[in-house]
C-alpha cells in the first residue's frame, strides 16, 4: 500500500499511475465525488483510496488548499487568544495571554500554517491563537507574530489560517519566494 500525496493548487486535472500495471487514470478535482476509481475514506480529511482496474489499491492524500504550503521546520510559540484580545491590534495582542507552548511549524503558506504541538493541548477548531516564530531571508532575521483561526485538529497536528488582515503582510510571501 503506497500513500501518494498530491497538491491540486492551480491544477485542472491530475493523474494517478498504478504501480502494478502502470495504467494512468486522469481525475478532474471538481468531479472527484463522481469517480468510479477514487473513494473518500470516511472521517479522514483529504484521504482517498484509488482502486485500479487491475485490483491494486493505493491510498492517496489530496490537498485542496488555495495556496501551496511549503514544508518547514520552524520553531514557534503559540498562545490562546480570548474573544476580547483577539479583536485587538496585533501589537497589543503580542502580550502573552495564557501560557505559551513550544511547537514546530511543519508547513507554511501565505494563508496559514500547520504545526505540531510538543505535548497535550485543548485546542479545538475555531479557536483563536497568537503564533510567534522567526523567519530568515538572507541575513535578515524577522520575528513574525500572526493571529490564526484553528481549522483542523488531528492529534498534535494543528492546521490554522491567518486572520484576513494578517495575510496582507508581505514578509511571509517574501520568505516563501526564497524557499
Protein backbone atom coordinates (compact mmCIF):
# COMPACT_ATOMS: atom_id res chain seq x y z
CA UNK A 1 0.00 0.00 0.00
CA UNK A 2 1.54 3.30 -1.13
CA UNK A 3 0.49 6.74 0.06
CA UNK A 4 0.77 9.30 -2.71
CA UNK A 5 0.41 12.99 -1.89
CA UNK A 6 -0.79 15.46 -4.47
CA UNK A 7 -1.46 19.17 -4.28
CA UNK A 8 -4.26 20.32 -6.54
CA UNK A 9 -3.40 24.01 -6.28
CA UNK A 10 -3.70 25.57 -9.74
CA UNK A 11 -4.41 22.23 -11.43
CA UNK A 12 -7.41 21.43 -13.56
CA UNK A 13 -6.69 17.70 -13.73
CA UNK A 14 -4.21 15.31 -12.16
CA UNK A 15 -3.11 11.75 -12.83
CA UNK A 16 -2.65 8.65 -10.72
CA UNK A 17 -0.48 5.88 -12.13
CA UNK A 18 -0.92 2.34 -10.83
CA UNK A 19 2.43 0.99 -9.57
CA UNK A 20 1.48 -2.57 -10.58
CA UNK A 21 0.07 -2.28 -14.12
CA UNK A 22 1.27 1.31 -14.87
CA UNK A 23 -2.17 2.32 -16.13
CA UNK A 24 -2.73 6.07 -15.74
CA UNK A 25 -6.06 7.43 -14.57
CA UNK A 26 -6.88 11.13 -15.08
CA UNK A 27 -9.00 12.84 -12.45
CA UNK A 28 -10.75 16.20 -12.53
CA UNK A 29 -10.83 17.68 -9.00
CA UNK A 30 -14.36 19.06 -9.44
CA UNK A 31 -15.61 15.55 -10.31
CA UNK A 32 -13.85 13.51 -7.61
CA UNK A 33 -17.14 12.60 -5.91
CA UNK A 34 -18.41 11.01 -9.18
CA UNK A 35 -15.21 8.98 -9.76
CA UNK A 36 -15.50 5.22 -10.21
CA UNK A 37 -11.88 4.72 -9.09
CA UNK A 38 -11.38 7.19 -6.22
CA UNK A 39 -13.23 6.68 -2.93
CA UNK A 40 -13.15 9.01 0.08
CA UNK A 41 -12.12 7.48 3.39
CA UNK A 42 -14.86 8.47 5.84
CA UNK A 43 -13.68 10.75 8.64
CA UNK A 44 -10.22 11.30 7.14
CA UNK A 45 -9.87 14.75 5.61
CA UNK A 46 -8.25 14.62 2.16
CA UNK A 47 -7.65 10.86 2.21
CA UNK A 48 -8.93 8.67 -0.62
CA UNK A 49 -8.42 5.15 -1.90
CA UNK A 50 -7.68 4.76 -5.59
CA UNK A 51 -8.69 1.35 -6.96
CA UNK A 52 -7.19 0.45 -10.32
CA UNK A 53 -9.00 -1.85 -12.76
CA UNK A 54 -6.24 -4.43 -12.08
CA UNK A 55 -7.36 -4.56 -8.42
CA UNK A 56 -4.46 -2.62 -6.88
CA UNK A 57 -5.42 -0.14 -4.19
CA UNK A 58 -3.42 2.99 -3.36
CA UNK A 59 -4.01 5.45 -0.53
CA UNK A 60 -4.00 8.98 -1.93
CA UNK A 61 -3.89 12.24 0.02
CA UNK A 62 -5.26 15.21 -1.90
CA UNK A 63 -4.67 18.79 -0.87
CA UNK A 64 -7.42 21.23 -1.91
CA UNK A 65 -5.87 24.37 -0.40
CA UNK A 66 -5.95 27.55 -2.46
CA UNK A 67 -2.23 28.17 -1.97
CA UNK A 68 0.67 25.75 -1.80
CA UNK A 69 2.12 25.02 1.59
CA UNK A 70 5.87 24.72 1.85
CA UNK A 71 7.41 22.12 4.16
CA UNK A 72 9.36 23.67 7.00
CA UNK A 73 10.86 23.08 10.42
CA UNK A 74 10.38 26.43 12.15
CA UNK A 75 10.21 26.57 15.92
CA UNK A 76 7.25 28.60 17.19
CA UNK A 77 5.26 29.52 20.26
CA UNK A 78 1.51 29.81 20.41
CA UNK A 79 -0.83 31.28 22.96
CA UNK A 80 -4.62 31.15 23.15
CA UNK A 81 -6.46 34.39 22.44
CA UNK A 82 -9.75 35.24 24.08
CA UNK A 83 -12.53 36.93 22.10
CA UNK A 84 -11.59 40.23 23.72
CA UNK A 85 -7.86 40.26 22.94
CA UNK A 86 -8.21 38.56 19.51
CA UNK A 87 -10.10 41.62 18.29
CA UNK A 88 -7.33 43.98 19.43
CA UNK A 89 -4.48 45.16 17.25
CA UNK A 90 -1.58 42.74 16.76
CA UNK A 91 0.82 44.97 18.73
CA UNK A 92 -1.40 44.76 21.78
CA UNK A 93 -2.17 41.09 21.24
CA UNK A 94 1.59 40.45 21.27
CA UNK A 95 1.45 40.45 25.05
CA UNK A 96 1.21 36.92 26.37
CA UNK A 97 -2.28 35.74 27.32
CA UNK A 98 -2.26 32.37 28.98
CA UNK A 99 0.66 30.02 28.56
CA UNK A 100 2.97 29.92 25.55
CA UNK A 101 3.68 26.40 24.42
CA UNK A 102 6.61 25.31 22.31
CA UNK A 103 5.72 23.84 18.90
CA UNK A 104 7.10 23.39 15.39
CA UNK A 105 5.65 24.74 12.13
CA UNK A 106 5.66 21.81 9.69
CA UNK A 107 4.21 23.67 6.70
CA UNK A 108 3.51 27.29 5.84
CA UNK A 109 1.72 29.29 3.14
CA UNK A 110 0.71 32.90 2.69
CA UNK A 111 -2.69 31.96 4.16
CA UNK A 112 -1.79 29.74 7.10
CA UNK A 113 0.35 27.19 8.88
CA UNK A 114 0.33 23.60 10.01
CA UNK A 115 2.16 22.98 13.28
CA UNK A 116 2.84 20.20 15.76
CA UNK A 117 2.47 20.80 19.47
CA UNK A 118 5.00 19.35 21.91
CA UNK A 119 2.53 17.86 24.32
CA UNK A 120 -1.11 17.70 25.27
CA UNK A 121 -3.39 20.60 24.41
CA UNK A 122 -7.06 21.53 24.46
CA UNK A 123 -7.15 23.30 21.07
CA UNK A 124 -10.34 22.91 19.06
CA UNK A 125 -11.40 24.06 15.58
CA UNK A 126 -12.38 27.77 15.55
CA UNK A 127 -10.06 28.58 18.50
CA UNK A 128 -8.04 31.75 18.02
CA UNK A 129 -4.31 31.71 18.72
CA UNK A 130 -1.38 34.09 18.56
CA UNK A 131 1.59 32.34 16.91
CA UNK A 132 5.14 33.72 17.05
CA UNK A 133 8.08 32.43 15.01
CA UNK A 134 11.30 33.62 13.41
CA UNK A 135 11.99 33.52 9.68
CA UNK A 136 15.22 34.37 7.95
CA UNK A 137 15.62 35.91 4.48
CA UNK A 138 19.29 36.06 3.60
CA UNK A 139 20.93 37.90 6.50
CA UNK A 140 17.65 39.42 7.69
CA UNK A 141 16.01 37.74 10.67
CA UNK A 142 12.42 38.70 11.44
CA UNK A 143 10.09 37.85 14.32
CA UNK A 144 6.64 37.11 12.88
CA UNK A 145 3.51 37.37 15.01
CA UNK A 146 0.27 36.17 13.48
CA UNK A 147 -3.22 35.66 14.78
CA UNK A 148 -4.71 32.42 13.47
CA UNK A 149 -8.02 30.60 13.50
CA UNK A 150 -7.70 26.86 14.01
CA UNK A 151 -9.30 24.97 11.12
CA UNK A 152 -8.25 21.35 11.80
CA UNK A 153 -7.01 19.40 14.79
CA UNK A 154 -5.62 15.89 14.33
CA UNK A 155 -3.85 14.73 17.47
CA UNK A 156 -0.90 17.06 17.95
CA UNK A 157 -1.10 18.46 14.39
CA UNK A 158 -2.94 21.79 14.15
CA UNK A 159 -3.97 23.41 10.84
CA UNK A 160 -4.59 27.15 11.17
CA UNK A 161 -5.49 30.04 8.87
CA UNK A 162 -4.14 33.56 9.40
CA UNK A 163 -6.67 36.27 10.24
CA UNK A 164 -7.60 38.02 6.97
CA UNK A 165 -5.90 41.29 7.98
CA UNK A 166 -2.71 39.36 8.91
CA UNK A 167 -2.48 37.81 5.43
CA UNK A 168 -1.66 41.21 3.93
CA UNK A 169 1.84 41.49 5.46
CA UNK A 170 4.33 40.57 2.67
CA UNK A 171 7.04 39.19 4.97
CA UNK A 172 5.87 35.57 4.72
CA UNK A 173 5.39 35.89 0.95
CA UNK A 174 8.99 37.07 0.56
CA UNK A 175 10.15 34.19 2.74
CA UNK A 176 8.19 31.65 0.63
CA UNK A 177 9.64 33.04 -2.61
CA UNK A 178 13.14 32.09 -1.48
CA UNK A 179 12.22 28.54 -0.38
